[in-house]
Protein backbone atom coordinates (compact mmCIF):
# COMPACT_ATOMS: atom_id res chain seq x y z
CA MET A 1 71.99 84.91 67.19
CA LEU A 2 74.35 82.64 65.30
CA ALA A 3 77.21 84.05 63.32
CA PRO A 4 77.44 83.32 59.58
CA GLY A 5 78.68 79.77 58.91
CA GLU A 6 77.34 78.41 62.21
CA CYS A 7 74.04 77.13 60.87
CA GLY A 8 73.65 73.41 61.45
CA PHE A 9 76.12 73.30 64.33
CA SER A 10 75.04 72.63 67.91
CA SER A 11 75.95 75.09 70.63
CA GLU A 12 78.42 72.62 72.11
CA GLU A 13 80.30 72.27 68.86
CA VAL A 14 80.32 76.04 68.35
CA LEU A 15 81.65 76.64 71.85
CA SER A 16 84.37 74.05 71.50
CA ALA A 17 85.40 75.23 68.03
CA ARG A 18 85.09 78.99 68.24
CA PHE A 19 84.92 79.89 71.97
CA PRO A 20 87.20 77.55 73.90
CA LEU A 21 87.72 80.06 76.73
CA HIS A 22 83.97 80.44 77.16
CA ARG A 23 83.47 76.67 77.24
CA ALA A 24 86.23 76.19 79.85
CA CYS A 25 84.64 78.86 82.07
CA ARG A 26 81.21 77.29 81.67
CA ASP A 27 82.47 73.89 82.71
CA GLY A 28 84.89 75.18 85.34
CA ASP A 29 87.77 73.46 83.56
CA VAL A 30 90.61 75.23 85.36
CA HIS A 31 93.37 73.19 83.67
CA ALA A 32 92.05 73.81 80.17
CA LEU A 33 91.61 77.49 80.94
CA GLY A 34 95.15 77.76 82.35
CA ALA A 35 96.57 76.00 79.30
CA LEU A 36 94.75 78.38 76.97
CA LEU A 37 95.83 81.47 78.91
CA HIS A 38 99.45 80.42 79.15
CA GLY A 39 99.55 78.90 75.68
CA GLY A 40 99.57 82.24 73.91
CA ALA A 41 95.86 82.89 73.54
CA PRO A 42 95.35 86.35 72.06
CA ARG A 43 94.34 88.99 74.57
CA ALA A 44 91.44 89.96 72.34
CA GLU A 45 89.77 86.63 73.12
CA LEU A 46 89.35 87.72 76.73
CA LEU A 47 86.98 90.42 75.49
CA THR A 48 85.30 88.36 72.78
CA GLU A 49 81.52 88.03 73.11
CA ASP A 50 79.92 84.75 72.16
CA SER A 51 77.23 84.52 69.52
CA PHE A 52 74.62 83.14 71.93
CA TYR A 53 74.28 85.56 74.85
CA GLY A 54 76.86 88.19 74.03
CA TRP A 55 78.95 87.26 77.07
CA THR A 56 82.69 87.33 77.51
CA PRO A 57 84.55 84.48 79.30
CA ILE A 58 84.32 86.22 82.69
CA HIS A 59 80.56 86.57 82.30
CA TRP A 60 80.31 82.82 81.73
CA ALA A 61 82.41 82.17 84.83
CA ALA A 62 80.25 84.53 86.89
CA TYR A 63 76.95 83.06 85.75
CA PHE A 64 78.00 79.49 86.58
CA GLY A 65 79.80 80.49 89.76
CA ARG A 66 83.26 79.37 88.59
CA LEU A 67 85.28 81.40 91.09
CA GLU A 68 88.66 79.88 90.23
CA CYS A 69 88.14 80.60 86.57
CA ALA A 70 87.14 84.18 87.36
CA VAL A 71 90.31 84.64 89.41
CA GLN A 72 92.50 83.39 86.56
CA LEU A 73 90.74 85.62 84.07
CA VAL A 74 91.21 88.73 86.21
CA GLU A 75 94.87 87.87 86.73
CA ALA A 76 95.21 87.53 82.98
CA GLY A 77 93.85 91.03 82.42
CA CYS A 78 90.05 90.83 82.39
CA ASP A 79 88.19 93.81 83.83
CA VAL A 80 85.70 93.03 86.59
CA ASN A 81 83.51 95.87 85.27
CA SER A 82 83.61 94.83 81.61
CA SER A 83 80.21 95.54 80.09
CA THR A 84 78.55 93.62 77.28
CA SER A 85 77.78 95.59 74.16
CA ARG A 86 74.29 94.14 73.81
CA PHE A 87 72.80 94.55 77.28
CA ALA A 88 75.42 96.62 79.16
CA GLN A 89 75.70 93.99 81.87
CA THR A 90 78.75 93.45 84.06
CA PRO A 91 79.93 90.17 85.65
CA ALA A 92 78.32 91.38 88.91
CA HIS A 93 74.92 91.49 87.19
CA ILE A 94 75.42 87.99 85.84
CA ALA A 95 76.69 86.54 89.14
CA ALA A 96 73.75 88.06 91.05
CA PHE A 97 71.27 86.72 88.51
CA GLY A 98 72.93 83.31 88.70
CA GLY A 99 72.61 83.37 92.51
CA HIS A 100 76.31 82.76 93.23
CA SER A 101 77.01 84.82 96.33
CA GLN A 102 80.66 83.75 96.78
CA CYS A 103 81.62 84.69 93.25
CA LEU A 104 79.65 87.93 93.57
CA MET A 105 81.38 88.81 96.84
CA TRP A 106 84.78 88.22 95.30
CA LEU A 107 83.94 90.42 92.33
CA LEU A 108 82.77 93.20 94.65
CA ARG A 109 85.97 93.04 96.66
CA ALA A 110 87.97 93.04 93.42
CA GLY A 111 86.41 96.38 92.45
CA ALA A 112 83.08 95.59 90.80
CA GLU A 113 80.59 98.45 90.86
CA LEU A 114 77.70 97.96 93.26
CA ASP A 115 75.06 100.13 91.63
CA ARG A 116 75.94 99.84 87.96
CA GLN A 117 72.76 99.89 85.85
CA ASP A 118 72.31 97.89 82.68
CA TYR A 119 70.30 98.72 79.56
CA VAL A 120 66.97 98.47 81.44
CA GLY A 121 68.25 100.40 84.47
CA GLU A 122 68.67 97.40 86.73
CA THR A 123 71.48 96.99 89.24
CA PRO A 124 72.87 93.74 90.67
CA VAL A 125 70.28 94.14 93.45
CA HIS A 126 67.50 93.90 90.87
CA LYS A 127 69.09 90.79 89.34
CA ALA A 128 69.41 89.12 92.75
CA ALA A 129 65.77 90.00 93.49
CA ARG A 130 64.66 88.46 90.20
CA ALA A 131 66.55 85.28 91.05
CA GLY A 132 65.26 85.24 94.63
CA SER A 133 68.78 84.91 96.07
CA VAL A 134 68.83 86.03 99.69
CA ASP A 135 72.57 85.38 99.92
CA CYS A 136 73.37 87.63 96.97
CA ILE A 137 71.10 90.36 98.32
CA ASN A 138 72.84 90.19 101.69
CA ALA A 139 76.26 90.30 100.02
CA LEU A 140 75.29 93.41 98.09
CA LEU A 141 73.71 95.18 101.07
CA ILE A 142 76.71 94.44 103.28
CA GLN A 143 78.96 96.12 100.72
CA GLY A 144 76.71 99.19 100.70
CA ALA A 145 74.48 98.72 97.67
CA LYS A 146 71.49 101.07 97.39
CA ALA A 147 68.09 99.46 97.81
CA ASP A 148 66.05 102.43 96.57
CA LEU A 149 67.25 102.55 92.97
CA ARG A 150 64.55 101.97 90.37
CA ASN A 151 64.77 100.41 86.95
CA ALA A 152 63.36 101.81 83.72
CA SER A 153 59.88 100.65 84.78
CA GLY A 154 60.13 102.48 88.12
CA LEU A 155 60.47 99.32 90.20
CA THR A 156 62.84 98.76 93.09
CA GLY A 157 64.42 95.45 93.97
CA ALA A 158 61.72 94.87 96.59
CA ASP A 159 59.05 95.39 93.95
CA LEU A 160 60.67 92.87 91.62
CA ALA A 161 61.08 90.29 94.38
CA ARG A 162 57.44 90.68 95.34
CA ALA A 163 56.32 90.39 91.72
CA GLN A 164 58.46 87.26 91.19
CA GLY A 165 56.99 85.59 94.29
CA PHE A 166 59.93 85.90 96.69
CA PRO A 167 58.42 87.45 99.85
CA GLU A 168 61.53 86.86 101.95
CA CYS A 169 63.70 88.80 99.52
CA ALA A 170 61.03 91.51 99.25
CA GLN A 171 60.92 91.92 103.04
CA LEU A 172 64.70 92.01 103.30
CA LEU A 173 64.97 94.72 100.65
CA SER A 174 62.07 96.71 102.15
CA ASN A 175 63.76 96.74 105.55
CA ALA A 176 67.04 97.80 103.97
CA LEU A 177 65.26 100.56 102.04
CA ASN A 178 63.63 101.96 105.18
CA GLN A 179 66.89 101.78 107.12
CA GLN A 180 68.85 103.59 104.43
CA GLN A 181 66.25 106.33 104.14
CA PHE A 182 66.17 106.79 107.91
CA GLY A 183 69.97 106.94 108.02
CA ARG A 184 70.03 109.66 105.36
CA PHE A 185 67.36 111.57 107.27
CA LEU A 186 69.41 111.44 110.46
CA ALA A 187 72.54 112.52 108.62
CA ALA A 188 70.74 115.48 107.06
CA SER A 189 69.20 116.50 110.40
CA THR A 190 72.56 116.31 112.16
CA CYS A 191 74.23 118.37 109.43
CA ASN A 192 71.50 121.04 109.61
CA SER A 193 71.66 121.27 113.40
CA VAL A 194 75.44 121.65 113.31
CA GLU A 195 75.19 124.40 110.71
CA GLN A 196 72.52 126.19 112.76
CA ARG A 197 74.69 126.04 115.87
CA ARG A 198 77.66 127.36 113.94
CA GLY A 199 75.59 130.20 112.52
CA PHE A 200 74.21 131.12 115.92
CA LEU A 201 77.63 131.13 117.52
CA ASN A 202 79.13 133.13 114.68
CA SER A 203 76.36 135.74 114.68
CA THR A 204 76.10 136.23 118.45
CA PRO A 205 79.03 137.96 120.13
CA SER A 206 80.32 136.68 123.41
CA ARG A 207 79.64 138.45 126.69
CA LYS A 208 83.28 139.44 127.07
CA ARG A 209 83.37 140.94 123.59
CA SER A 210 80.15 142.88 124.26
CA LEU A 211 81.58 144.33 127.48
CA ASP A 212 84.80 145.24 125.72
CA CYS A 213 82.87 147.02 123.00
CA ILE A 214 80.86 148.97 125.56
CA GLN A 215 83.92 149.96 127.52
CA SER A 216 85.99 150.89 124.49
CA GLY A 217 83.39 152.39 122.15
CA GLN A 218 80.52 153.82 124.19
CA LEU A 219 81.97 154.90 127.55
CA LYS A 220 84.83 157.36 127.67
CA LYS A 221 86.99 157.78 130.72
CA ALA A 222 87.37 161.33 132.08
CA ARG A 223 90.73 162.97 131.73
CA THR A 224 91.58 164.07 135.26
CA SER A 225 95.11 165.33 134.66
CA ASP A 226 94.07 168.69 133.19
CA LEU A 227 91.38 169.22 135.82
CA ASP A 228 93.84 168.55 138.62
CA LEU A 229 96.23 171.03 137.08
CA GLN A 230 93.56 173.73 136.86
CA MET A 231 92.39 173.13 140.42
CA MET A 232 95.97 173.28 141.67
CA MET A 233 96.49 176.61 139.89
CA MET A 234 93.27 178.08 141.33
CA ASN A 235 94.11 176.93 144.86
CA GLU A 236 97.60 178.40 144.62
CA MET A 237 96.24 181.67 143.27
CA ASN A 238 93.60 181.95 146.03
CA GLY A 239 96.19 181.29 148.71
CA SER A 240 99.01 183.31 147.18
CA GLY A 241 98.45 186.27 149.49
CA GLY A 242 99.04 189.02 146.96
CA LYS A 243 101.72 187.28 145.02
CA ASN A 244 101.88 187.70 141.33
CA PRO A 245 99.56 185.09 139.77
CA MET A 246 101.89 184.78 136.80
CA ASP A 247 104.66 183.62 139.10
CA THR A 248 102.37 181.03 140.58
CA GLY A 249 101.30 179.89 137.10
CA HIS A 250 104.92 179.63 135.98
CA ALA A 251 105.85 177.72 139.10
CA GLY A 252 103.08 175.18 138.53
CA LEU A 253 103.37 174.81 134.81
CA GLY A 254 107.09 175.21 134.22
CA PRO A 255 108.26 176.25 130.79
CA VAL A 256 104.97 175.34 129.11
CA ALA A 257 102.80 178.14 130.59
CA ASN A 258 103.76 181.23 128.58
CA SER A 259 101.79 184.45 128.98
CA THR A 260 99.87 186.10 126.18
CA THR A 261 98.99 189.78 126.09
CA GLY A 262 95.57 190.71 124.79
CA GLY A 263 94.55 193.77 122.91
CA ASN A 264 93.35 195.62 126.05
CA GLY A 265 96.53 195.01 128.00
CA SER A 266 95.19 192.06 129.96
CA ILE A 267 97.26 188.92 130.36
CA THR A 268 95.45 185.59 129.79
CA LEU A 269 96.83 182.24 130.83
CA PRO A 270 96.76 179.72 127.94
CA PHE A 271 95.67 176.87 130.23
CA ALA A 272 93.37 178.91 132.46
CA PRO A 273 89.58 178.55 132.20
CA VAL A 274 88.00 180.66 129.51
CA GLY A 275 86.88 184.06 130.85
CA PHE A 276 89.56 184.51 133.57
CA VAL A 277 92.02 187.46 133.24
CA GLU A 278 94.63 188.88 135.54
CA GLN A 279 93.82 192.25 137.09
CA ASP A 280 95.26 194.30 139.95
CA ASP A 281 93.18 192.64 142.65
CA GLY A 282 93.75 189.09 141.47
CA LEU A 283 92.17 186.76 138.95
CA GLN A 284 88.73 188.08 137.95
CA MET A 285 86.06 187.14 135.45
CA GLU A 286 86.71 188.64 132.07
CA ASP A 287 84.07 190.59 130.32
CA SER A 288 82.24 188.78 127.59
CA SER A 289 83.25 191.45 125.12
CA THR A 290 86.95 190.65 125.63
CA SER A 291 87.12 186.91 125.06
CA ALA A 292 90.22 184.88 124.38
CA PRO A 293 91.13 183.86 120.82
CA LYS A 294 89.00 181.11 119.33
CA GLU A 295 91.88 178.71 119.00
CA MET A 296 92.63 178.99 122.71
CA GLU A 297 89.01 178.47 123.66
CA ILE A 298 88.68 175.36 121.58
CA PHE A 299 91.92 173.90 122.94
CA THR A 300 91.05 174.71 126.54
CA VAL A 301 87.55 173.22 126.47
CA ALA A 302 88.74 170.09 124.68
CA ALA A 303 91.52 169.61 127.23
CA MET A 304 89.32 170.21 130.29
CA GLN A 305 86.41 168.01 129.09
CA ILE A 306 83.99 170.14 131.19
CA PRO A 307 80.98 172.27 130.10
CA CYS A 308 81.83 175.90 129.41
CA ARG A 309 79.24 178.64 129.55
CA CYS A 310 80.57 180.67 126.69
CA THR A 311 78.87 182.70 124.01
CA ASN A 312 81.24 181.32 121.39
CA SER A 313 79.60 178.32 119.67
CA TYR A 314 82.96 176.94 118.53
CA ALA A 315 83.78 175.98 122.13
CA TYR A 316 81.36 173.02 121.92
CA LEU A 317 82.85 171.38 118.84
């Protein structure tokens, strides 16, 4: 679409008069472009879109494969991802559609977006497929472009190449599509298997931990110190030969074994088994009616850790 006042002028005259940067990039005139850039050309002209295609100077350089001009423009401040207002196309789209693989590769290395979609949802891969450029397709795939993206019509680059009559490009893109899908499948499978192994290892305790839990939580070791003390006292009392059992108990226990006098005059050892009392003929079984205090019974049974045949139910707590 021509701007007002351009009627009757040829495109060449319009380019030379109103878009000198665009004309220099079209022709690859590096000297003229350098003179314009260093001669005080306004920065706004670098972003000016022509009245023919709506391209900026770097789009013209990309479409005609003018690599040196593109380099100068980028050094002067042009953005490699500058998008046209009419069709939302970047220089990478234009270079791929023009079939200039070297210029496209340089733009990609300079930071151009690989999978940028234009107003119809097409990426540089679609543009290269439309042009039938195997070199541009290879350049894009090497840099990691996606081959499975679809445009607004639901077509991939392989579909466009096949529809345009470029079977070699269609086969190349189909192979790349299958390879990328298989690679994503392998990556997902590997990630899932790793997560499953982590979950299994985290949920299953080790053998050492299981044994430690059994030993510490389920099995209790017998306390033999109190039993040995009681057996020692009983042996000494049986072999005392008429000695006072209290003396024997004091000799074995030291200052801890203090005697306690019951209500019926009997003396009960605090650490003796429940039901034993001291009588004239030695240590005898105490009658069930005269049992030791409850506190003593509980303490004695808990310390001995042995079953006690006692009528008092508190002894089993």
